[in-house]
Protein backbone atom coordinates (compact mmCIF):
# COMPACT_ATOMS: atom_id res chain seq x y z
CA MET A 1 35.95 -192.55 25.66
CA ASN A 2 36.22 -191.26 29.20
CA ILE A 3 33.09 -190.32 31.14
CA ILE A 4 33.35 -188.38 34.38
CA LEU A 5 30.35 -188.42 36.68
CA GLY A 6 29.64 -186.15 39.63
CA VAL A 7 31.07 -182.91 38.21
CA LYS A 8 29.71 -179.98 40.23
CA ASN A 9 31.32 -177.00 38.48
CA MET A 10 32.07 -176.58 34.83
CA GLU A 11 34.00 -173.64 33.46
CA ILE A 12 34.13 -172.62 29.83
CA ASP A 13 37.21 -170.81 28.57
CA ASN A 14 36.57 -168.82 25.39
CA THR A 15 40.19 -168.05 24.56
CA LYS A 16 41.75 -168.88 21.24
CA ASN A 17 43.92 -171.64 22.71
CA SER A 18 41.01 -173.54 24.16
CA SER A 19 39.13 -173.51 20.85
CA ASP A 20 42.23 -174.83 19.06
CA LYS A 21 42.43 -177.70 21.52
CA SER A 22 38.81 -178.63 20.96
CA VAL A 23 39.27 -178.66 17.18
CA THR A 24 42.34 -180.88 17.54
CA ALA A 25 40.49 -183.17 19.93
CA SER A 26 37.54 -183.52 17.57
CA GLU A 27 39.89 -184.38 14.68
CA SER A 28 41.55 -187.10 16.76
CA ASP A 29 38.10 -188.45 17.66
CA ASP A 30 37.33 -188.76 13.92
CA LEU A 31 40.53 -190.70 13.29
CA ILE A 32 40.33 -194.33 12.18
CA LYS A 33 43.56 -196.21 12.86
CA VAL A 34 44.18 -199.34 10.81
CA ARG A 35 46.80 -202.06 11.21
CA ALA A 36 47.16 -204.36 8.20
CA THR A 37 49.00 -207.67 8.29
CA ILE A 38 49.86 -209.23 4.94
CA THR A 39 50.81 -212.91 4.99
CA CYS A 40 51.45 -215.67 2.50
CA PRO A 41 49.25 -218.76 2.97
CA ASN A 42 52.40 -220.90 2.74
CA GLY A 43 54.21 -218.88 5.43
CA ASP A 44 56.86 -217.42 3.11
CA TYR A 45 55.98 -213.76 3.75
CA LYS A 46 54.66 -211.61 6.60
CA LYS A 47 54.57 -207.81 6.76
CA LYS A 48 52.72 -205.34 9.01
CA PHE A 49 51.63 -201.82 8.09
CA LYS A 50 49.94 -199.05 10.07
CA ASN A 51 47.99 -196.11 8.74
CA GLN A 52 45.31 -193.70 9.89
CA PHE A 53 42.46 -191.98 8.10
CA LEU A 54 39.93 -189.31 8.98
CA ARG A 55 36.33 -190.49 8.81
CA LYS A 56 35.65 -188.00 6.02
CA GLU A 57 38.44 -189.66 3.96
CA ILE A 58 36.97 -193.16 4.15
CA GLU A 59 37.04 -193.45 0.35
CA MET A 60 40.84 -193.12 0.42
CA MET A 61 40.99 -196.00 2.90
CA ILE A 62 38.84 -198.19 0.63
CA VAL A 63 41.09 -197.45 -2.37
CA SER A 64 44.14 -198.35 -0.28
CA PHE A 65 42.60 -201.72 0.59
CA LYS A 66 41.77 -202.49 -3.05
CA VAL A 67 45.49 -202.43 -3.85
CA PHE A 68 45.85 -205.63 -1.80
CA ASP A 69 43.42 -207.57 -4.01
CA TRP A 70 46.10 -208.44 -6.54
CA LEU A 71 49.27 -208.79 -4.44
CA THR A 72 51.02 -212.16 -4.75
CA CYS A 73 53.95 -213.79 -2.96
CA ASN A 74 57.29 -213.45 -4.76
CA LYS A 75 58.38 -216.97 -3.75
CA CYS A 76 55.33 -219.13 -4.41
CA GLY A 77 52.97 -216.93 -6.45
CA GLU A 78 49.97 -217.39 -4.13
CA LEU A 79 47.65 -214.45 -3.42
CA LEU A 80 48.56 -212.78 -0.14
CA LYS A 81 46.10 -212.75 2.77
CA LEU A 82 45.14 -209.35 4.24
CA ASP A 83 44.06 -209.11 7.89
CA LEU A 84 42.79 -205.75 9.12
CA GLU A 85 42.58 -204.45 12.68
CA PHE A 86 40.63 -201.24 13.26
CA ASN A 87 40.86 -198.83 16.18
CA ILE A 88 37.92 -196.44 15.90
């Protein structure tokens, strides 16, 4: 988030293009970016995934994470570890 202090003049442009930009900007502000790293506890497997979700679609993100509950390593059969990194 950028904050600019000391602004003396502020102009508002009511054209169609400026309103489109503000809608797009507000959608990008509501975006949750997620990086998932899946690893095997024995070190046999490591994979990274990236995805992004709108805040209003948080339920879809939760369902996506539940898929990882049952994933196992093809080589050793251990449950895979899921590490999540959020950029909100």
